[in-house]
N, C-alpha and C. Protein backbone atom coordinates (compact mmCIF):
# COMPACT_ATOMS: atom_id res chain seq x y z
N ILE A 1 0.83 -1.19 0.00
CA ILE A 1 0.00 0.00 0.00
C ILE A 1 0.87 1.25 0.00
N GLY A 2 1.93 1.23 0.81
CA GLY A 2 2.81 2.39 0.89
C GLY A 2 3.42 2.74 -0.46
N GLU A 3 3.91 1.74 -1.17
CA GLU A 3 4.51 1.98 -2.49
C GLU A 3 3.46 2.46 -3.49
N ALA A 4 2.26 1.89 -3.42
CA ALA A 4 1.19 2.31 -4.32
C ALA A 4 0.81 3.76 -4.07
N LEU A 5 0.79 4.18 -2.80
CA LEU A 5 0.49 5.57 -2.48
C LEU A 5 1.53 6.52 -3.06
N LYS A 6 2.79 6.12 -2.98
CA LYS A 6 3.85 6.95 -3.54
C LYS A 6 3.71 7.09 -5.05
N ALA A 7 3.28 6.01 -5.71
CA ALA A 7 3.17 6.01 -7.16
C ALA A 7 1.92 6.71 -7.67
N ASN A 8 0.85 6.74 -6.86
CA ASN A 8 -0.41 7.31 -7.31
C ASN A 8 -0.61 8.66 -6.65
N GLY A 9 -0.18 9.71 -7.29
CA GLY A 9 -0.28 11.04 -6.72
C GLY A 9 -1.66 11.66 -6.84
N ALA A 10 -2.59 11.02 -7.57
CA ALA A 10 -3.91 11.61 -7.79
C ALA A 10 -4.96 11.13 -6.80
N LEU A 11 -4.68 10.09 -6.02
CA LEU A 11 -5.65 9.52 -5.09
C LEU A 11 -6.01 10.54 -4.02
N ARG A 12 -7.32 10.74 -3.79
CA ARG A 12 -7.78 11.73 -2.81
C ARG A 12 -8.31 11.09 -1.52
N THR A 13 -8.90 9.90 -1.60
CA THR A 13 -9.48 9.23 -0.45
C THR A 13 -9.02 7.78 -0.43
N LEU A 14 -8.62 7.31 0.75
CA LEU A 14 -8.21 5.92 0.89
C LEU A 14 -8.88 5.36 2.13
N ASN A 15 -9.67 4.31 1.94
CA ASN A 15 -10.39 3.67 3.03
C ASN A 15 -9.80 2.27 3.23
N LEU A 16 -9.08 2.09 4.33
CA LEU A 16 -8.47 0.80 4.67
C LEU A 16 -9.00 0.30 6.01
N ARG A 17 -10.25 0.55 6.29
CA ARG A 17 -10.88 0.10 7.53
C ARG A 17 -10.87 -1.42 7.60
N ASN A 18 -10.70 -1.94 8.81
CA ASN A 18 -10.85 -3.38 9.07
C ASN A 18 -9.97 -4.25 8.16
N ASN A 19 -8.70 -3.93 8.05
CA ASN A 19 -7.81 -4.68 7.18
C ASN A 19 -6.63 -5.31 7.91
N GLN A 20 -6.66 -5.32 9.22
CA GLN A 20 -5.60 -5.91 10.03
C GLN A 20 -4.23 -5.31 9.70
N ILE A 21 -4.20 -4.02 9.44
CA ILE A 21 -2.94 -3.33 9.17
C ILE A 21 -2.17 -3.21 10.49
N SER A 22 -0.93 -3.65 10.47
CA SER A 22 -0.09 -3.63 11.68
C SER A 22 0.68 -2.32 11.76
N SER A 23 1.49 -2.20 12.80
CA SER A 23 2.33 -1.01 12.94
C SER A 23 3.33 -0.91 11.79
N VAL A 24 3.78 -2.04 11.28
CA VAL A 24 4.72 -2.04 10.14
C VAL A 24 4.03 -1.47 8.90
N GLY A 25 2.81 -1.92 8.64
CA GLY A 25 2.05 -1.40 7.51
C GLY A 25 1.75 0.08 7.66
N ALA A 26 1.41 0.48 8.87
CA ALA A 26 1.12 1.90 9.12
C ALA A 26 2.37 2.75 8.93
N ALA A 27 3.53 2.22 9.31
CA ALA A 27 4.78 2.96 9.09
C ALA A 27 5.04 3.16 7.60
N ALA A 28 4.74 2.14 6.79
CA ALA A 28 4.91 2.27 5.34
C ALA A 28 3.94 3.31 4.77
N ILE A 29 2.73 3.32 5.29
CA ILE A 29 1.76 4.34 4.86
C ILE A 29 2.24 5.72 5.29
N GLY A 30 2.80 5.82 6.49
CA GLY A 30 3.35 7.09 6.97
C GLY A 30 4.45 7.61 6.05
N GLU A 31 5.33 6.73 5.63
CA GLU A 31 6.40 7.14 4.70
C GLU A 31 5.81 7.65 3.40
N ALA A 32 4.79 6.97 2.91
CA ALA A 32 4.15 7.39 1.66
C ALA A 32 3.47 8.74 1.82
N LEU A 33 2.93 9.02 3.00
CA LEU A 33 2.27 10.31 3.23
C LEU A 33 3.23 11.48 3.14
N LYS A 34 4.51 11.21 3.33
CA LYS A 34 5.50 12.28 3.25
C LYS A 34 5.74 12.72 1.81
N SER A 35 5.31 11.91 0.86
CA SER A 35 5.49 12.27 -0.55
C SER A 35 4.50 13.37 -0.93
N ARG A 36 4.58 13.83 -2.14
CA ARG A 36 3.78 14.97 -2.56
C ARG A 36 2.44 14.55 -3.18
N GLY A 37 1.80 13.55 -2.63
CA GLY A 37 0.51 13.08 -3.15
C GLY A 37 -0.63 14.03 -2.83
N MET A 38 -1.80 13.69 -3.32
CA MET A 38 -2.99 14.53 -3.16
C MET A 38 -3.99 13.94 -2.16
N LEU A 39 -3.60 12.93 -1.39
CA LEU A 39 -4.50 12.27 -0.47
C LEU A 39 -5.02 13.25 0.58
N ARG A 40 -6.35 13.31 0.71
CA ARG A 40 -6.97 14.22 1.68
C ARG A 40 -7.65 13.48 2.83
N TRP A 41 -8.22 12.31 2.56
CA TRP A 41 -8.93 11.53 3.56
C TRP A 41 -8.25 10.17 3.68
N LEU A 42 -7.90 9.78 4.91
CA LEU A 42 -7.29 8.48 5.16
C LEU A 42 -8.03 7.80 6.32
N HIS A 43 -8.69 6.70 6.03
CA HIS A 43 -9.44 5.95 7.03
C HIS A 43 -8.67 4.67 7.36
N LEU A 44 -8.15 4.60 8.57
CA LEU A 44 -7.40 3.43 9.02
C LEU A 44 -8.02 2.85 10.29
N ASN A 45 -9.29 3.14 10.52
CA ASN A 45 -9.91 2.68 11.75
C ASN A 45 -10.10 1.16 11.76
N SER A 46 -10.13 0.62 12.99
CA SER A 46 -10.35 -0.80 13.24
C SER A 46 -9.28 -1.68 12.61
N ASN A 47 -8.04 -1.31 12.79
CA ASN A 47 -6.90 -2.11 12.37
C ASN A 47 -6.09 -2.49 13.61
N GLN A 48 -4.83 -2.78 13.44
CA GLN A 48 -3.95 -3.16 14.55
C GLN A 48 -2.69 -2.29 14.54
N ILE A 49 -2.90 -0.99 14.37
CA ILE A 49 -1.79 -0.06 14.15
C ILE A 49 -0.94 0.13 15.40
N GLY A 50 -1.55 0.33 16.54
CA GLY A 50 -0.80 0.50 17.78
C GLY A 50 0.07 1.75 17.80
N ASP A 51 0.85 1.88 18.86
CA ASP A 51 1.67 3.08 19.06
C ASP A 51 2.74 3.31 18.00
N PRO A 52 3.54 2.31 17.62
CA PRO A 52 4.60 2.58 16.64
C PRO A 52 4.05 3.06 15.29
N GLY A 53 3.00 2.44 14.82
CA GLY A 53 2.41 2.85 13.55
C GLY A 53 1.78 4.23 13.62
N ALA A 54 1.09 4.49 14.72
CA ALA A 54 0.46 5.81 14.90
C ALA A 54 1.52 6.90 15.00
N ALA A 55 2.62 6.61 15.67
CA ALA A 55 3.71 7.59 15.78
C ALA A 55 4.30 7.89 14.40
N ALA A 56 4.45 6.87 13.57
CA ALA A 56 4.98 7.07 12.21
C ALA A 56 4.04 7.94 11.38
N ILE A 57 2.76 7.70 11.53
CA ILE A 57 1.79 8.52 10.81
C ILE A 57 1.81 9.95 11.35
N GLY A 58 1.98 10.10 12.64
CA GLY A 58 2.09 11.44 13.24
C GLY A 58 3.27 12.21 12.69
N GLU A 59 4.40 11.54 12.51
CA GLU A 59 5.57 12.20 11.91
C GLU A 59 5.27 12.63 10.48
N ALA A 60 4.52 11.81 9.76
CA ALA A 60 4.18 12.14 8.38
C ALA A 60 3.27 13.36 8.31
N LEU A 61 2.42 13.54 9.32
CA LEU A 61 1.53 14.70 9.33
C LEU A 61 2.31 16.01 9.30
N LYS A 62 3.49 16.00 9.88
CA LYS A 62 4.31 17.21 9.91
C LYS A 62 4.78 17.60 8.51
N ALA A 63 4.95 16.61 7.63
CA ALA A 63 5.47 16.87 6.29
C ALA A 63 4.37 16.93 5.23
N ASN A 64 3.20 16.35 5.53
CA ASN A 64 2.14 16.25 4.53
C ASN A 64 1.32 17.53 4.51
N GLY A 65 1.20 18.13 3.35
CA GLY A 65 0.46 19.38 3.23
C GLY A 65 -0.94 19.23 2.69
N MET A 66 -1.41 18.01 2.45
CA MET A 66 -2.71 17.81 1.82
C MET A 66 -3.76 17.13 2.70
N LEU A 67 -3.34 16.24 3.58
CA LEU A 67 -4.28 15.44 4.36
C LEU A 67 -5.12 16.32 5.28
N THR A 68 -6.44 16.17 5.19
CA THR A 68 -7.33 16.94 6.05
C THR A 68 -8.09 16.07 7.04
N HIS A 69 -8.26 14.79 6.76
CA HIS A 69 -9.00 13.88 7.63
C HIS A 69 -8.22 12.59 7.83
N LEU A 70 -8.01 12.24 9.08
CA LEU A 70 -7.30 11.02 9.44
C LEU A 70 -8.11 10.30 10.51
N ASP A 71 -8.53 9.07 10.23
CA ASP A 71 -9.32 8.32 11.20
C ASP A 71 -8.52 7.11 11.66
N LEU A 72 -8.11 7.13 12.93
CA LEU A 72 -7.37 6.03 13.56
C LEU A 72 -8.19 5.41 14.69
N THR A 73 -9.49 5.57 14.65
CA THR A 73 -10.38 5.04 15.67
C THR A 73 -10.18 3.54 15.83
N ASP A 74 -10.24 3.06 17.06
CA ASP A 74 -10.20 1.63 17.38
C ASP A 74 -8.91 0.97 16.89
N ASN A 75 -7.77 1.52 17.33
CA ASN A 75 -6.48 0.98 16.92
C ASN A 75 -5.52 0.75 18.08
N ASN A 76 -6.00 0.75 19.31
CA ASN A 76 -5.16 0.43 20.46
C ASN A 76 -3.94 1.36 20.56
N ILE A 77 -4.22 2.65 20.53
CA ILE A 77 -3.17 3.67 20.59
C ILE A 77 -3.21 4.33 21.96
N SER A 78 -2.06 4.41 22.62
CA SER A 78 -2.00 4.96 23.98
C SER A 78 -2.33 6.45 23.99
N GLN A 79 -2.70 6.94 25.16
CA GLN A 79 -3.04 8.35 25.29
C GLN A 79 -1.86 9.25 24.97
N GLY A 80 -0.65 8.82 25.30
CA GLY A 80 0.52 9.62 25.00
C GLY A 80 0.71 9.83 23.51
N VAL A 81 0.57 8.76 22.74
CA VAL A 81 0.70 8.87 21.29
C VAL A 81 -0.49 9.63 20.71
N GLN A 82 -1.67 9.44 21.29
CA GLN A 82 -2.83 10.21 20.84
C GLN A 82 -2.57 11.70 21.00
N ALA A 83 -2.00 12.09 22.13
CA ALA A 83 -1.69 13.50 22.37
C ALA A 83 -0.68 14.02 21.35
N ARG A 84 0.32 13.20 21.02
CA ARG A 84 1.31 13.62 20.02
C ARG A 84 0.69 13.76 18.64
N LEU A 85 -0.26 12.88 18.32
CA LEU A 85 -0.96 12.99 17.03
C LEU A 85 -1.76 14.28 16.97
N ARG A 86 -2.46 14.58 18.05
CA ARG A 86 -3.24 15.82 18.06
C ARG A 86 -2.32 17.04 17.93
N ALA A 87 -1.17 16.98 18.56
CA ALA A 87 -0.22 18.10 18.50
C ALA A 87 0.42 18.21 17.12
N ALA A 88 0.55 17.10 16.42
CA ALA A 88 1.21 17.11 15.11
C ALA A 88 0.33 17.70 14.02
N LYS A 89 -0.98 17.66 14.23
CA LYS A 89 -1.85 18.19 13.18
C LYS A 89 -1.70 19.71 13.12
N ARG A 90 -1.66 20.19 11.92
CA ARG A 90 -1.56 21.64 11.73
C ARG A 90 -2.96 22.17 11.50
N PRO A 91 -3.43 23.10 12.31
CA PRO A 91 -4.83 23.54 12.25
C PRO A 91 -5.29 23.98 10.87
N GLN A 92 -4.41 24.57 10.10
CA GLN A 92 -4.83 25.04 8.79
C GLN A 92 -4.94 23.91 7.77
N LEU A 93 -4.42 22.72 8.11
CA LEU A 93 -4.44 21.61 7.15
C LEU A 93 -5.26 20.42 7.65
N VAL A 94 -4.84 19.80 8.72
CA VAL A 94 -5.54 18.62 9.22
C VAL A 94 -6.72 19.09 10.06
N LEU A 95 -7.91 18.82 9.57
CA LEU A 95 -9.11 19.29 10.24
C LEU A 95 -9.68 18.28 11.22
N TYR A 96 -9.37 17.00 11.02
CA TYR A 96 -9.96 15.95 11.84
C TYR A 96 -8.97 14.83 12.06
N VAL A 97 -8.80 14.45 13.32
CA VAL A 97 -8.03 13.25 13.67
C VAL A 97 -8.93 12.45 14.60
N GLY A 98 -9.46 11.32 14.11
CA GLY A 98 -10.35 10.48 14.90
C GLY A 98 -9.55 9.46 15.70
N LEU A 99 -9.73 9.47 17.01
CA LEU A 99 -8.99 8.55 17.89
C LEU A 99 -9.91 7.87 18.89
N ALA A 100 -11.19 7.84 18.65
CA ALA A 100 -12.13 7.22 19.59
C ALA A 100 -11.90 5.71 19.66
N SER A 101 -12.25 5.14 20.78
CA SER A 101 -12.20 3.68 21.00
C SER A 101 -10.82 3.08 20.79
N CYS A 102 -9.78 3.78 21.18
CA CYS A 102 -8.44 3.24 21.04
C CYS A 102 -8.07 2.30 22.18
N LEU A 103 -8.88 2.23 23.20
CA LEU A 103 -8.85 1.22 24.25
C LEU A 103 -7.72 1.32 25.27
N VAL A 104 -6.62 1.91 24.96
CA VAL A 104 -5.51 1.97 25.89
C VAL A 104 -5.59 3.27 26.67
N THR A 105 -5.39 3.20 27.98
CA THR A 105 -5.55 4.39 28.80
C THR A 105 -4.25 5.02 29.26
N SER A 106 -3.13 4.34 29.13
CA SER A 106 -1.87 4.97 29.54
C SER A 106 -0.72 4.46 28.72
């Protein structure tokens, strides 16, 4: 998926809900988000991303100038990483970061 995202600069919405994406897969998606693609909506809810994958996506948010909606709901992400994700979003660009039902409290 990460390589396909890098190659397809015209994709605007990607829905990968319920696909058992691990932290490794999320890290590859994060790397792809750093490219100059046109992706605006990314749905990764109900996967197995966890803290390492979410942190990689958070780093990508700093470099990505197009993404406006990111849904990481129900991915077992700790509150600390959730806070870093919220801090990484740039108000003028990322309008929504969904983190509900992440299940981990500390």
